Amino acid sequence: MDATDQKRLLREMLFARRFEERCAEAYQERQIGGFLHLYPGQEACAIGVLEKARPGHDYVITGYRDHIHAIKSGMDPKAAMAELYGKETGCSRGRGGSMHLFDPDSRFMGGYALVGGPFPLAAGFAKAIQMKGGDEISICFLGDGANNQGTFHETMNMASLWQLPVLFVCENNLYGIGTAIERATVETSQYLRVAPYRIAASQCDGQDIDVVMSEAEKAVTHVREKRQPYFLELMTYRLRGHSMSDSGAYRSREEVEQWARRDPISIYRTRLEAANILSEEDFQKMDLDIQNEIENEIVRFALESPEPRVEDLERYVYADGGPKPWLK
């Protein structure tokens, strides 16, 4: 990568961090309702993997910690923020909220609230690609907490049996809500769990975006060229609670501080500064520009967008508009 691309990647991670932090503020201001699961600490995962894929061409699906995956896939951040605010201009017309971002134009096929729900859907996209003879791949981001679901094992079996072009990316942040992985899963290295299904797999540091991109390139190439599944495990850590209602009391301060020292933004910023690609002044200007963009363009757009109309309650759902005797 040249210096321009390296600075772009740093900006994308920093934008992701500031976007999520602003979402947390909006939630506390009661501008955002419902559930809100934020991504700080894991930015190198989604951004690094999708940098080596073809966003807008490949199909991407994930769980409910989905804002950054959607934006990196090509979703307009204004549409994402408007959706969080429940506005008509949101990507799901304000009906889905944080856990249900969706943008078929960029082939971001959704964030899903059901734990383990995206696995078979990702296999379904891959099967459709296979039947149509396309060169796309299906990319499924998943967390370690979902991997004890039956859908995980059923999907791995089908993906291998049918040789589907699907990449499974496990963002292992060591906790399923408040339960440490070792308390819930016998084999804590998730990439080893697909061995019985004869799926190629690897594990790497998810905090260093250069490492993520290197491993992601191998994984994407394997799926795209061999038209076979691959399982990539990224060891990462969320610096905030599972959701806005989570105090994180189940984690020690020492553990959080230890992982905070491996913040993916700090790692990459330090590397670029050491290579004389970025100065302190460059970074501060980048940060200020990002915060101004989020506040003056993205949040402002969400605030000024219209609320969904009551008359449109039945739009975008399976309803025929006919008589409803049960409403009498």
C-alpha atoms as a PDB file:
ATOM      1  CA  MET A   1       0.000   0.000   0.000  1.00  0.00           C
ATOM      2  CA  ASP A   2       1.169   3.512  -0.711  1.00  0.00           C
ATOM      3  CA  ALA A   3       1.053   6.314   1.847  1.00  0.00           C
ATOM      4  CA  THR A   4      -2.256   7.649   0.543  1.00  0.00           C
ATOM      5  CA  ASP A   5      -4.004   4.321   1.079  1.00  0.00           C
ATOM      6  CA  GLN A   6      -2.402   3.861   4.481  1.00  0.00           C
ATOM      7  CA  LYS A   7      -3.692   7.233   5.656  1.00  0.00           C
ATOM      8  CA  ARG A   8      -7.100   6.406   4.183  1.00  0.00           C
ATOM      9  CA  LEU A   9      -7.234   3.191   6.208  1.00  0.00           C
ATOM     10  CA  LEU A  10      -6.316   5.045   9.389  1.00  0.00           C
ATOM     11  CA  ARG A  11      -9.014   7.587   8.625  1.00  0.00           C
ATOM     12  CA  GLU A  12     -11.594   4.835   8.089  1.00  0.00           C
ATOM     13  CA  MET A  13     -10.794   3.274  11.467  1.00  0.00           C
ATOM     14  CA  LEU A  14     -10.831   6.643  13.205  1.00  0.00           C
ATOM     15  CA  PHE A  15     -14.104   7.548  11.480  1.00  0.00           C
ATOM     16  CA  ALA A  16     -15.569   4.266  12.725  1.00  0.00           C
ATOM     17  CA  ARG A  17     -14.486   5.059  16.279  1.00  0.00           C
ATOM     18  CA  ARG A  18     -15.898   8.596  16.252  1.00  0.00           C
ATOM     19  CA  PHE A  19     -19.110   7.460  14.541  1.00  0.00           C
ATOM     20  CA  GLU A  20     -19.726   4.880  17.254  1.00  0.00           C
ATOM     21  CA  GLU A  21     -18.836   7.294  20.044  1.00  0.00           C
ATOM     22  CA  ARG A  22     -21.333   9.792  18.634  1.00  0.00           C
ATOM     23  CA  CYS A  23     -23.957   7.041  18.534  1.00  0.00           C
ATOM     24  CA  ALA A  24     -23.347   6.422  22.235  1.00  0.00           C
ATOM     25  CA  GLU A  25     -23.889  10.128  22.947  1.00  0.00           C
ATOM     26  CA  ALA A  26     -27.090  10.156  20.888  1.00  0.00           C
ATOM     27  CA  TYR A  27     -28.343   7.126  22.798  1.00  0.00           C
ATOM     28  CA  GLN A  28     -27.724   8.882  26.105  1.00  0.00           C
ATOM     29  CA  GLU A  29     -29.562  11.905  24.712  1.00  0.00           C
ATOM     30  CA  ARG A  30     -32.480   9.570  23.876  1.00  0.00           C
ATOM     31  CA  GLN A  31     -32.176  10.364  20.190  1.00  0.00           C
ATOM     32  CA  ILE A  32     -31.492   6.655  19.516  1.00  0.00           C
ATOM     33  CA  GLY A  33     -33.783   4.061  21.038  1.00  0.00           C
ATOM     34  CA  GLY A  34     -33.886   0.299  21.289  1.00  0.00           C
ATOM     35  CA  PHE A  35     -30.689  -1.726  21.486  1.00  0.00           C
ATOM     36  CA  LEU A  36     -27.280  -0.364  20.530  1.00  0.00           C
ATOM     37  CA  HIS A  37     -24.165  -2.528  20.188  1.00  0.00           C
ATOM     38  CA  LEU A  38     -20.992  -0.592  19.459  1.00  0.00           C
ATOM     39  CA  TYR A  39     -17.717  -1.525  17.760  1.00  0.00           C
ATOM     40  CA  PRO A  40     -14.797   0.387  19.398  1.00  0.00           C
ATOM     41  CA  GLY A  41     -11.745  -1.848  19.630  1.00  0.00           C
ATOM     42  CA  GLN A  42     -12.644  -4.073  16.699  1.00  0.00           C
ATOM     43  CA  GLU A  43     -12.232  -1.605  13.811  1.00  0.00           C
ATOM     44  CA  ALA A  44      -9.330  -3.454  12.176  1.00  0.00           C
ATOM     45  CA  CYS A  45     -11.525  -6.525  11.671  1.00  0.00           C
ATOM     46  CA  ALA A  46     -14.327  -5.316   9.395  1.00  0.00           C
ATOM     47  CA  ILE A  47     -12.239  -2.655   7.688  1.00  0.00           C
ATOM     48  CA  GLY A  48      -9.222  -4.911   7.169  1.00  0.00           C
ATOM     49  CA  VAL A  49     -11.184  -7.872   5.798  1.00  0.00           C
ATOM     50  CA  LEU A  50     -13.407  -5.867   3.462  1.00  0.00           C
ATOM     51  CA  GLU A  51     -10.405  -3.916   2.197  1.00  0.00           C
ATOM     52  CA  LYS A  52      -9.270  -7.183   0.604  1.00  0.00           C
ATOM     53  CA  ALA A  53     -12.722  -8.134  -0.711  1.00  0.00           C
ATOM     54  CA  ARG A  54     -14.879  -6.312  -3.249  1.00  0.00           C
ATOM     55  CA  PRO A  55     -17.403  -4.224  -1.327  1.00  0.00           C
ATOM     56  CA  GLY A  56     -20.471  -3.583  -3.452  1.00  0.00           C
ATOM     57  CA  HIS A  57     -19.756  -6.728  -5.462  1.00  0.00           C
ATOM     58  CA  ASP A  58     -19.398  -9.428  -2.813  1.00  0.00           C
ATOM     59  CA  TYR A  59     -22.290 -10.137  -0.471  1.00  0.00           C
ATOM     60  CA  VAL A  60     -21.787  -9.243   3.202  1.00  0.00           C
ATOM     61  CA  ILE A  61     -23.899 -10.275   6.170  1.00  0.00           C
ATOM     62  CA  THR A  62     -23.337  -9.975   9.912  1.00  0.00           C
ATOM     63  CA  GLY A  63     -24.962  -9.908  13.340  1.00  0.00           C
ATOM     64  CA  TYR A  64     -26.235  -6.906  15.266  1.00  0.00           C
ATOM     65  CA  ARG A  65     -22.895  -5.101  15.848  1.00  0.00           C
ATOM     66  CA  ASP A  66     -23.188  -4.018  12.263  1.00  0.00           C
ATOM     67  CA  HIS A  67     -22.719  -0.257  11.707  1.00  0.00           C
ATOM     68  CA  ILE A  68     -19.109  -0.345  10.505  1.00  0.00           C
ATOM     69  CA  HIS A  69     -19.565  -3.420   8.320  1.00  0.00           C
ATOM     70  CA  ALA A  70     -22.429  -1.629   6.582  1.00  0.00           C
ATOM     71  CA  ILE A  71     -20.475   1.586   6.026  1.00  0.00           C
ATOM     72  CA  LYS A  72     -17.361  -0.211   4.764  1.00  0.00           C
ATOM     73  CA  SER A  73     -19.591  -2.203   2.406  1.00  0.00           C
ATOM     74  CA  GLY A  74     -20.692   1.069   0.834  1.00  0.00           C
ATOM     75  CA  MET A  75     -23.690   2.277   2.825  1.00  0.00           C
ATOM     76  CA  ASP A  76     -23.982   6.063   3.130  1.00  0.00           C
ATOM     77  CA  PRO A  77     -23.137   6.929   6.772  1.00  0.00           C
ATOM     78  CA  LYS A  78     -26.003   9.443   6.714  1.00  0.00           C
ATOM     79  CA  ALA A  79     -28.461   6.653   5.896  1.00  0.00           C
ATOM     80  CA  ALA A  80     -26.980   4.538   8.687  1.00  0.00           C
ATOM     81  CA  MET A  81     -27.264   7.325  11.254  1.00  0.00           C
ATOM     82  CA  ALA A  82     -30.785   8.236  10.116  1.00  0.00           C
ATOM     83  CA  GLU A  83     -31.780   4.615  10.610  1.00  0.00           C
ATOM     84  CA  LEU A  84     -30.398   4.681  14.135  1.00  0.00           C
ATOM     85  CA  TYR A  85     -32.502   7.796  14.742  1.00  0.00           C
ATOM     86  CA  GLY A  86     -35.551   5.967  13.379  1.00  0.00           C
ATOM     87  CA  LYS A  87     -36.046   8.344  10.472  1.00  0.00           C
ATOM     88  CA  GLU A  88     -37.714   7.799   7.101  1.00  0.00           C
ATOM     89  CA  THR A  89     -34.408   8.520   5.317  1.00  0.00           C
ATOM     90  CA  GLY A  90     -32.721   5.628   7.101  1.00  0.00           C
ATOM     91  CA  CYS A  91     -31.507   2.612   5.145  1.00  0.00           C
ATOM     92  CA  SER A  92     -34.475   0.583   6.445  1.00  0.00           C
ATOM     93  CA  ARG A  93     -36.866   3.564   6.472  1.00  0.00           C
ATOM     94  CA  GLY A  94     -36.471   3.861  10.221  1.00  0.00           C
ATOM     95  CA  ARG A  95     -38.174   0.509  10.807  1.00  0.00           C
ATOM     96  CA  GLY A  96     -35.117  -1.560  11.672  1.00  0.00           C
ATOM     97  CA  GLY A  97     -32.835   0.487  13.868  1.00  0.00           C
ATOM     98  CA  SER A  98     -29.322  -0.383  14.928  1.00  0.00           C
ATOM     99  CA  MET A  99     -29.576  -4.163  14.613  1.00  0.00           C
ATOM    100  CA  HIS A 100     -31.242  -4.205  11.197  1.00  0.00           C
ATOM    101  CA  LEU A 101     -29.202  -2.073   8.816  1.00  0.00           C
ATOM    102  CA  PHE A 102     -29.718  -3.220   5.237  1.00  0.00           C
ATOM    103  CA  ASP A 103     -28.537  -1.974   1.850  1.00  0.00           C
ATOM    104  CA  PRO A 104     -28.964  -4.310  -1.133  1.00  0.00           C
ATOM    105  CA  ASP A 105     -27.514  -1.664  -3.481  1.00  0.00           C
ATOM    106  CA  SER A 106     -24.121  -2.171  -1.809  1.00  0.00           C
ATOM    107  CA  ARG A 107     -24.853  -5.877  -1.270  1.00  0.00           C
ATOM    108  CA  PHE A 108     -24.816  -5.433   2.478  1.00  0.00           C
ATOM    109  CA  MET A 109     -27.485  -7.997   3.204  1.00  0.00           C
ATOM    110  CA  GLY A 110     -28.134  -7.015   6.759  1.00  0.00           C
ATOM    111  CA  GLY A 111     -27.362  -7.047  10.382  1.00  0.00           C
ATOM    112  CA  TYR A 112     -29.458  -9.632  12.226  1.00  0.00           C
ATOM    113  CA  ALA A 113     -30.620  -9.705  15.827  1.00  0.00           C
ATOM    114  CA  LEU A 114     -31.031 -13.476  16.036  1.00  0.00           C
ATOM    115  CA  VAL A 115     -27.846 -15.059  17.367  1.00  0.00           C
ATOM    116  CA  GLY A 116     -26.565 -17.487  14.755  1.00  0.00           C
ATOM    117  CA  GLY A 117     -29.124 -16.296  12.214  1.00  0.00           C
ATOM    118  CA  PRO A 118     -26.690 -15.024   9.559  1.00  0.00           C
ATOM    119  CA  PHE A 119     -24.866 -18.357   9.111  1.00  0.00           C
ATOM    120  CA  PRO A 120     -27.403 -20.197   6.920  1.00  0.00           C
ATOM    121  CA  LEU A 121     -28.283 -16.978   5.089  1.00  0.00           C
ATOM    122  CA  ALA A 122     -24.627 -16.526   4.124  1.00  0.00           C
ATOM    123  CA  ALA A 123     -24.581 -20.096   2.830  1.00  0.00           C
ATOM    124  CA  GLY A 124     -27.754 -19.338   0.894  1.00  0.00           C
ATOM    125  CA  PHE A 125     -26.151 -16.344  -0.826  1.00  0.00           C
ATOM    126  CA  ALA A 126     -23.138 -18.507  -1.662  1.00  0.00           C
ATOM    127  CA  LYS A 127     -25.380 -21.236  -3.077  1.00  0.00           C
ATOM    128  CA  ALA A 128     -27.161 -18.661  -5.265  1.00  0.00           C
ATOM    129  CA  ILE A 129     -23.791 -17.383  -6.513  1.00  0.00           C
ATOM    130  CA  GLN A 130     -22.738 -20.950  -7.271  1.00  0.00           C
ATOM    131  CA  MET A 131     -25.923 -21.735  -9.180  1.00  0.00           C
ATOM    132  CA  LYS A 132     -25.674 -18.525 -11.221  1.00  0.00           C
ATOM    133  CA  GLY A 133     -21.980 -19.053 -11.959  1.00  0.00           C
ATOM    134  CA  GLY A 134     -20.916 -15.654 -10.616  1.00  0.00           C
ATOM    135  CA  ASP A 135     -17.474 -14.650  -9.387  1.00  0.00           C
ATOM    136  CA  GLU A 136     -18.761 -13.035  -6.194  1.00  0.00           C
ATOM    137  CA  ILE A 137     -18.248 -14.501  -2.738  1.00  0.00           C
ATOM    138  CA  SER A 138     -20.398 -14.437   0.366  1.00  0.00           C
ATOM    139  CA  ILE A 139     -18.784 -13.010   3.515  1.00  0.00           C
ATOM    140  CA  CYS A 140     -20.301 -13.764   6.907  1.00  0.00           C
ATOM    141  CA  PHE A 141     -19.025 -11.917   9.968  1.00  0.00           C
ATOM    142  CA  LEU A 142     -19.805 -13.689  13.216  1.00  0.00           C
ATOM    143  CA  GLY A 143     -18.900 -13.496  16.867  1.00  0.00           C
ATOM    144  CA  ASP A 144     -17.534 -16.236  19.097  1.00  0.00           C
ATOM    145  CA  GLY A 145     -20.700 -16.144  21.207  1.00  0.00           C
ATOM    146  CA  ALA A 146     -22.856 -17.513  18.380  1.00  0.00           C
ATOM    147  CA  ASN A 147     -20.766 -20.552  17.606  1.00  0.00           C
ATOM    148  CA  ASN A 148     -22.517 -22.952  19.977  1.00  0.00           C
ATOM    149  CA  GLN A 149     -25.748 -22.483  18.032  1.00  0.00           C
ATOM    150  CA  GLY A 150     -26.906 -25.409  15.949  1.00  0.00           C
ATOM    151  CA  THR A 151     -26.998 -23.167  12.889  1.00  0.00           C
ATOM    152  CA  PHE A 152     -23.213 -22.807  13.091  1.00  0.00           C
ATOM    153  CA  HIS A 153     -22.554 -26.532  12.734  1.00  0.00           C
ATOM    154  CA  GLU A 154     -25.339 -27.136  10.230  1.00  0.00           C
ATOM    155  CA  THR A 155     -24.016 -24.332   8.034  1.00  0.00           C
ATOM    156  CA  MET A 156     -20.386 -25.444   8.226  1.00  0.00           C
ATOM    157  CA  ASN A 157     -21.447 -28.924   7.163  1.00  0.00           C
ATOM    158  CA  MET A 158     -23.472 -27.663   4.195  1.00  0.00           C
ATOM    159  CA  ALA A 159     -20.837 -25.136   3.135  1.00  0.00           C
ATOM    160  CA  SER A 160     -18.208 -27.864   2.970  1.00  0.00           C
ATOM    161  CA  LEU A 161     -20.443 -30.546   1.513  1.00  0.00           C
ATOM    162  CA  TRP A 162     -21.616 -28.250  -1.290  1.00  0.00           C
ATOM    163  CA  GLN A 163     -18.244 -26.463  -1.658  1.00  0.00           C
ATOM    164  CA  LEU A 164     -19.769 -23.009  -1.343  1.00  0.00           C
ATOM    165  CA  PRO A 165     -17.839 -19.761  -1.983  1.00  0.00           C
ATOM    166  CA  VAL A 166     -18.358 -18.368   1.500  1.00  0.00           C
ATOM    167  CA  LEU A 167     -15.885 -16.745   3.884  1.00  0.00           C
ATOM    168  CA  PHE A 168     -16.722 -16.988   7.581  1.00  0.00           C
ATOM    169  CA  VAL A 169     -14.982 -14.301   9.647  1.00  0.00           C
ATOM    170  CA  CYS A 170     -15.133 -14.883  13.393  1.00  0.00           C
ATOM    171  CA  GLU A 171     -14.438 -11.729  15.409  1.00  0.00           C
ATOM    172  CA  ASN A 172     -13.481 -13.439  18.648  1.00  0.00           C
ATOM    173  CA  ASN A 173     -13.730 -10.736  21.317  1.00  0.00           C
ATOM    174  CA  LEU A 174     -13.579 -13.367  24.088  1.00  0.00           C
ATOM    175  CA  TYR A 175     -17.084 -12.736  25.492  1.00  0.00           C
ATOM    176  CA  GLY A 176     -20.618 -13.742  24.607  1.00  0.00           C
ATOM    177  CA  ILE A 177     -22.432 -10.817  26.231  1.00  0.00           C
ATOM    178  CA  GLY A 178     -21.021 -11.183  29.763  1.00  0.00           C
ATOM    179  CA  THR A 179     -19.855 -14.797  29.604  1.00  0.00           C
ATOM    180  CA  ALA A 180     -16.154 -15.436  29.030  1.00  0.00           C
ATOM    181  CA  ILE A 181     -15.553 -17.861  26.184  1.00  0.00           C
ATOM    182  CA  GLU A 182     -13.766 -20.409  28.379  1.00  0.00           C
ATOM    183  CA  ARG A 183     -16.884 -20.706  30.552  1.00  0.00           C
ATOM    184  CA  ALA A 184     -19.101 -21.603  27.598  1.00  0.00           C
ATOM    185  CA  THR A 185     -16.946 -23.388  25.020  1.00  0.00           C
ATOM    186  CA  VAL A 186     -14.568 -26.316  25.382  1.00  0.00           C
ATOM    187  CA  GLU A 187     -12.423 -25.375  22.359  1.00  0.00           C
ATOM    188  CA  THR A 188     -11.753 -21.646  22.689  1.00  0.00           C
ATOM    189  CA  SER A 189      -9.806 -21.413  19.409  1.00  0.00           C
ATOM    190  CA  GLN A 190     -12.764 -21.140  17.085  1.00  0.00           C
ATOM    191  CA  TYR A 191     -10.898 -21.873  13.863  1.00  0.00           C
ATOM    192  CA  LEU A 192     -10.171 -25.390  15.132  1.00  0.00           C
ATOM    193  CA  ARG A 193     -13.888 -26.110  15.425  1.00  0.00           C
ATOM    194  CA  VAL A 194     -14.350 -26.304  11.654  1.00  0.00           C
ATOM    195  CA  ALA A 195     -11.704 -29.015  11.200  1.00  0.00           C
ATOM    196  CA  PRO A 196     -14.294 -31.856  11.256  1.00  0.00           C
ATOM    197  CA  TYR A 197     -16.011 -30.145   8.328  1.00  0.00           C
ATOM    198  CA  ARG A 198     -12.744 -30.041   6.319  1.00  0.00           C
ATOM    199  CA  ILE A 199     -12.876 -26.278   5.935  1.00  0.00           C
ATOM    200  CA  ALA A 200      -9.591 -24.421   5.506  1.00  0.00           C
ATOM    201  CA  ALA A 201      -9.070 -22.115   8.471  1.00  0.00           C
ATOM    202  CA  SER A 202      -6.622 -19.820  10.237  1.00  0.00           C
ATOM    203  CA  GLN A 203      -6.344 -17.536  13.240  1.00  0.00           C
ATOM    204  CA  CYS A 204      -4.564 -14.194  13.571  1.00  0.00           C
ATOM    205  CA  ASP A 205      -4.249 -10.962  15.514  1.00  0.00           C
ATOM    206  CA  GLY A 206      -7.360  -8.878  14.913  1.00  0.00           C
ATOM    207  CA  GLN A 207      -5.919  -5.673  16.387  1.00  0.00           C
ATOM    208  CA  ASP A 208      -3.263  -5.072  13.738  1.00  0.00           C
ATOM    209  CA  ILE A 209      -4.887  -4.126  10.443  1.00  0.00           C
ATOM    210  CA  ASP A 210      -1.799  -5.072   8.444  1.00  0.00           C
ATOM    211  CA  VAL A 211      -2.003  -8.601   9.859  1.00  0.00           C
ATOM    212  CA  VAL A 212      -5.743  -8.725   9.250  1.00  0.00           C
ATOM    213  CA  MET A 213      -5.347  -7.639   5.632  1.00  0.00           C
ATOM    214  CA  SER A 214      -2.589 -10.167   5.012  1.00  0.00           C
ATOM    215  CA  GLU A 215      -4.666 -13.065   6.341  1.00  0.00           C
ATOM    216  CA  ALA A 216      -7.845 -11.750   4.731  1.00  0.00           C
ATOM    217  CA  GLU A 217      -6.139 -11.633   1.335  1.00  0.00           C
ATOM    218  CA  LYS A 218      -5.239 -15.313   1.644  1.00  0.00           C
ATOM    219  CA  ALA A 219      -8.751 -16.195   2.789  1.00  0.00           C
ATOM    220  CA  VAL A 220     -10.535 -14.176   0.098  1.00  0.00           C
ATOM    221  CA  THR A 221      -8.246 -15.572  -2.615  1.00  0.00           C
ATOM    222  CA  HIS A 222      -8.947 -19.119  -1.425  1.00  0.00           C
ATOM    223  CA  VAL A 223     -12.718 -18.630  -1.566  1.00  0.00           C
ATOM    224  CA  ARG A 224     -12.749 -16.675  -4.828  1.00  0.00           C
ATOM    225  CA  GLU A 225     -10.349 -18.852  -6.804  1.00  0.00           C
ATOM    226  CA  LYS A 226     -11.052 -22.300  -5.386  1.00  0.00           C
ATOM    227  CA  ARG A 227     -14.779 -21.628  -4.845  1.00  0.00           C
ATOM    228  CA  GLN A 228     -14.518 -23.287  -1.446  1.00  0.00           C
ATOM    229  CA  PRO A 229     -15.354 -22.100   2.088  1.00  0.00           C
ATOM    230  CA  TYR A 230     -12.797 -20.625   4.465  1.00  0.00           C
ATOM    231  CA  PHE A 231     -12.939 -19.772   8.176  1.00  0.00           C
ATOM    232  CA  LEU A 232     -10.854 -16.850   9.466  1.00  0.00           C
ATOM    233  CA  GLU A 233     -10.667 -16.156  13.200  1.00  0.00           C
ATOM    234  CA  LEU A 234      -9.587 -12.678  14.320  1.00  0.00           C
ATOM    235  CA  MET A 235      -8.564 -12.292  17.951  1.00  0.00           C
ATOM    236  CA  THR A 236      -9.957  -8.955  19.069  1.00  0.00           C
ATOM    237  CA  TYR A 237     -11.607  -7.154  21.982  1.00  0.00           C
ATOM    238  CA  ARG A 238     -14.493  -4.731  22.411  1.00  0.00           C
ATOM    239  CA  LEU A 239     -13.499  -1.776  24.554  1.00  0.00           C
ATOM    240  CA  ARG A 240     -17.106  -1.016  25.502  1.00  0.00           C
ATOM    241  CA  GLY A 241     -19.780  -3.249  26.989  1.00  0.00           C
ATOM    242  CA  HIS A 242     -21.787  -5.693  24.940  1.00  0.00           C
ATOM    243  CA  SER A 243     -24.519  -3.071  24.564  1.00  0.00           C
ATOM    244  CA  MET A 244     -25.317   0.325  26.052  1.00  0.00           C
ATOM    245  CA  SER A 245     -26.972  -1.376  29.033  1.00  0.00           C
ATOM    246  CA  ASP A 246     -23.831  -3.354  29.860  1.00  0.00           C
ATOM    247  CA  SER A 247     -21.585  -1.932  32.580  1.00  0.00           C
ATOM    248  CA  GLY A 248     -18.835  -4.471  31.843  1.00  0.00           C
ATOM    249  CA  ALA A 249     -18.558  -5.409  35.519  1.00  0.00           C
ATOM    250  CA  TYR A 250     -17.626  -8.983  34.599  1.00  0.00           C
ATOM    251  CA  ARG A 251     -14.240  -7.838  33.228  1.00  0.00           C
ATOM    252  CA  SER A 252     -11.319  -6.692  35.335  1.00  0.00           C
ATOM    253  CA  ARG A 253      -9.907  -3.204  34.920  1.00  0.00           C
ATOM    254  CA  GLU A 254      -6.482  -4.731  34.283  1.00  0.00           C
ATOM    255  CA  GLU A 255      -7.803  -6.816  31.403  1.00  0.00           C
ATOM    256  CA  VAL A 256      -9.495  -3.865  29.734  1.00  0.00           C
ATOM    257  CA  GLU A 257      -6.402  -1.694  30.158  1.00  0.00           C
ATOM    258  CA  GLN A 258      -4.188  -4.442  28.735  1.00  0.00           C
ATOM    259  CA  TRP A 259      -6.311  -4.655  25.578  1.00  0.00           C
ATOM    260  CA  ALA A 260      -6.659  -0.862  25.365  1.00  0.00           C
ATOM    261  CA  ARG A 261      -2.888  -0.730  24.917  1.00  0.00           C
ATOM    262  CA  ARG A 262      -3.456  -2.758  21.744  1.00  0.00           C
ATOM    263  CA  ASP A 263      -6.022  -0.375  20.308  1.00  0.00           C
ATOM    264  CA  PRO A 264      -5.994  -0.961  16.512  1.00  0.00           C
ATOM    265  CA  ILE A 265      -6.057   2.779  15.799  1.00  0.00           C
ATOM    266  CA  SER A 266      -3.100   3.464  18.076  1.00  0.00           C
ATOM    267  CA  ILE A 267      -1.138   0.552  16.607  1.00  0.00           C
ATOM    268  CA  TYR A 268      -1.569   1.783  13.048  1.00  0.00           C
ATOM    269  CA  ARG A 269      -1.110   5.464  13.899  1.00  0.00           C
ATOM    270  CA  THR A 270       2.197   4.700  15.641  1.00  0.00           C
ATOM    271  CA  ARG A 271       3.356   2.672  12.651  1.00  0.00           C
ATOM    272  CA  LEU A 272       2.588   5.470  10.195  1.00  0.00           C
ATOM    273  CA  GLU A 273       4.247   8.077  12.400  1.00  0.00           C
ATOM    274  CA  ALA A 274       7.377   5.919  12.710  1.00  0.00           C
ATOM    275  CA  ALA A 275       7.504   5.635   8.911  1.00  0.00           C
ATOM    276  CA  ASN A 276       7.163   9.441   8.549  1.00  0.00           C
ATOM    277  CA  ILE A 277       3.889   8.960   6.681  1.00  0.00           C
ATOM    278  CA  LEU A 278       1.869  10.799   9.313  1.00  0.00           C
ATOM    279  CA  SER A 279       2.638  13.599  11.757  1.00  0.00           C
ATOM    280  CA  GLU A 280       0.928  14.509  15.011  1.00  0.00           C
ATOM    281  CA  GLU A 281      -0.550  17.555  13.282  1.00  0.00           C
ATOM    282  CA  ASP A 282      -1.842  15.387  10.434  1.00  0.00           C
ATOM    283  CA  PHE A 283      -3.607  13.103  12.883  1.00  0.00           C
ATOM    284  CA  GLN A 284      -5.164  15.929  14.875  1.00  0.00           C
ATOM    285  CA  LYS A 285      -6.474  17.547  11.689  1.00  0.00           C
ATOM    286  CA  MET A 286      -7.832  14.205  10.482  1.00  0.00           C
ATOM    287  CA  ASP A 287      -9.613  13.703  13.794  1.00  0.00           C
ATOM    288  CA  LEU A 288     -11.110  17.200  13.780  1.00  0.00           C
ATOM    289  CA  ASP A 289     -12.274  16.868  10.174  1.00  0.00           C
ATOM    290  CA  ILE A 290     -13.960  13.556  10.997  1.00  0.00           C
ATOM    291  CA  GLN A 291     -15.741  14.941  14.036  1.00  0.00           C
ATOM    292  CA  ASN A 292     -16.947  17.955  12.036  1.00  0.00           C
ATOM    293  CA  GLU A 293     -18.204  15.696   9.242  1.00  0.00           C
ATOM    294  CA  ILE A 294     -20.095  13.484  11.669  1.00  0.00           C
ATOM    295  CA  GLU A 295     -21.656  16.393  13.545  1.00  0.00           C
ATOM    296  CA  ASN A 296     -22.347  18.839  10.735  1.00  0.00           C
ATOM    297  CA  GLU A 297     -23.315  16.439   7.976  1.00  0.00           C
ATOM    298  CA  ILE A 298     -24.271  13.021   9.309  1.00  0.00           C
ATOM    299  CA  VAL A 299     -25.967  13.811  12.621  1.00  0.00           C
ATOM    300  CA  ARG A 300     -27.515  16.956  11.190  1.00  0.00           C
ATOM    301  CA  PHE A 301     -28.984  14.925   8.337  1.00  0.00           C
ATOM    302  CA  ALA A 302     -30.518  12.484  10.822  1.00  0.00           C
ATOM    303  CA  LEU A 303     -31.919  15.243  13.020  1.00  0.00           C
ATOM    304  CA  GLU A 304     -33.484  17.101  10.103  1.00  0.00           C
ATOM    305  CA  SER A 305     -34.936  14.001   8.421  1.00  0.00           C
ATOM    306  CA  PRO A 306     -38.678  13.306   8.753  1.00  0.00           C
ATOM    307  CA  GLU A 307     -40.176  10.751  11.089  1.00  0.00           C
ATOM    308  CA  PRO A 308     -42.041   7.848   9.463  1.00  0.00           C
ATOM    309  CA  ARG A 309     -45.728   8.676   9.018  1.00  0.00           C
ATOM    310  CA  VAL A 310     -48.369   6.807  10.984  1.00  0.00           C
ATOM    311  CA  GLU A 311     -50.244   6.328   7.702  1.00  0.00           C
ATOM    312  CA  ASP A 312     -47.285   4.288   6.429  1.00  0.00           C
ATOM    313  CA  LEU A 313     -47.338   1.816   9.307  1.00  0.00           C
ATOM    314  CA  GLU A 314     -48.039  -1.139   7.009  1.00  0.00           C
ATOM    315  CA  ARG A 315     -45.586  -0.195   4.274  1.00  0.00           C
ATOM    316  CA  TYR A 316     -42.544  -2.419   3.721  1.00  0.00           C
ATOM    317  CA  VAL A 317     -44.162  -5.349   5.565  1.00  0.00           C
ATOM    318  CA  TYR A 318     -46.198  -8.317   4.367  1.00  0.00           C
ATOM    319  CA  ALA A 319     -49.683  -6.776   4.450  1.00  0.00           C
ATOM    320  CA  ASP A 320     -52.260  -6.799   1.662  1.00  0.00           C
ATOM    321  CA  GLY A 321     -54.065  -3.688   2.807  1.00  0.00           C
ATOM    322  CA  GLY A 322     -57.428  -5.500   2.829  1.00  0.00           C
ATOM    323  CA  PRO A 323     -60.072  -5.687   5.587  1.00  0.00           C
ATOM    324  CA  LYS A 324     -58.810  -6.676   9.015  1.00  0.00           C
ATOM    325  CA  PRO A 325     -61.769  -7.854  11.082  1.00  0.00           C
ATOM    326  CA  TRP A 326     -59.572  -8.423  14.122  1.00  0.00           C
ATOM    327  CA  LEU A 327     -59.059  -4.668  14.380  1.00  0.00           C
ATOM    328  CA  LYS A 328     -62.786  -4.032  14.933  1.00  0.00           C
END
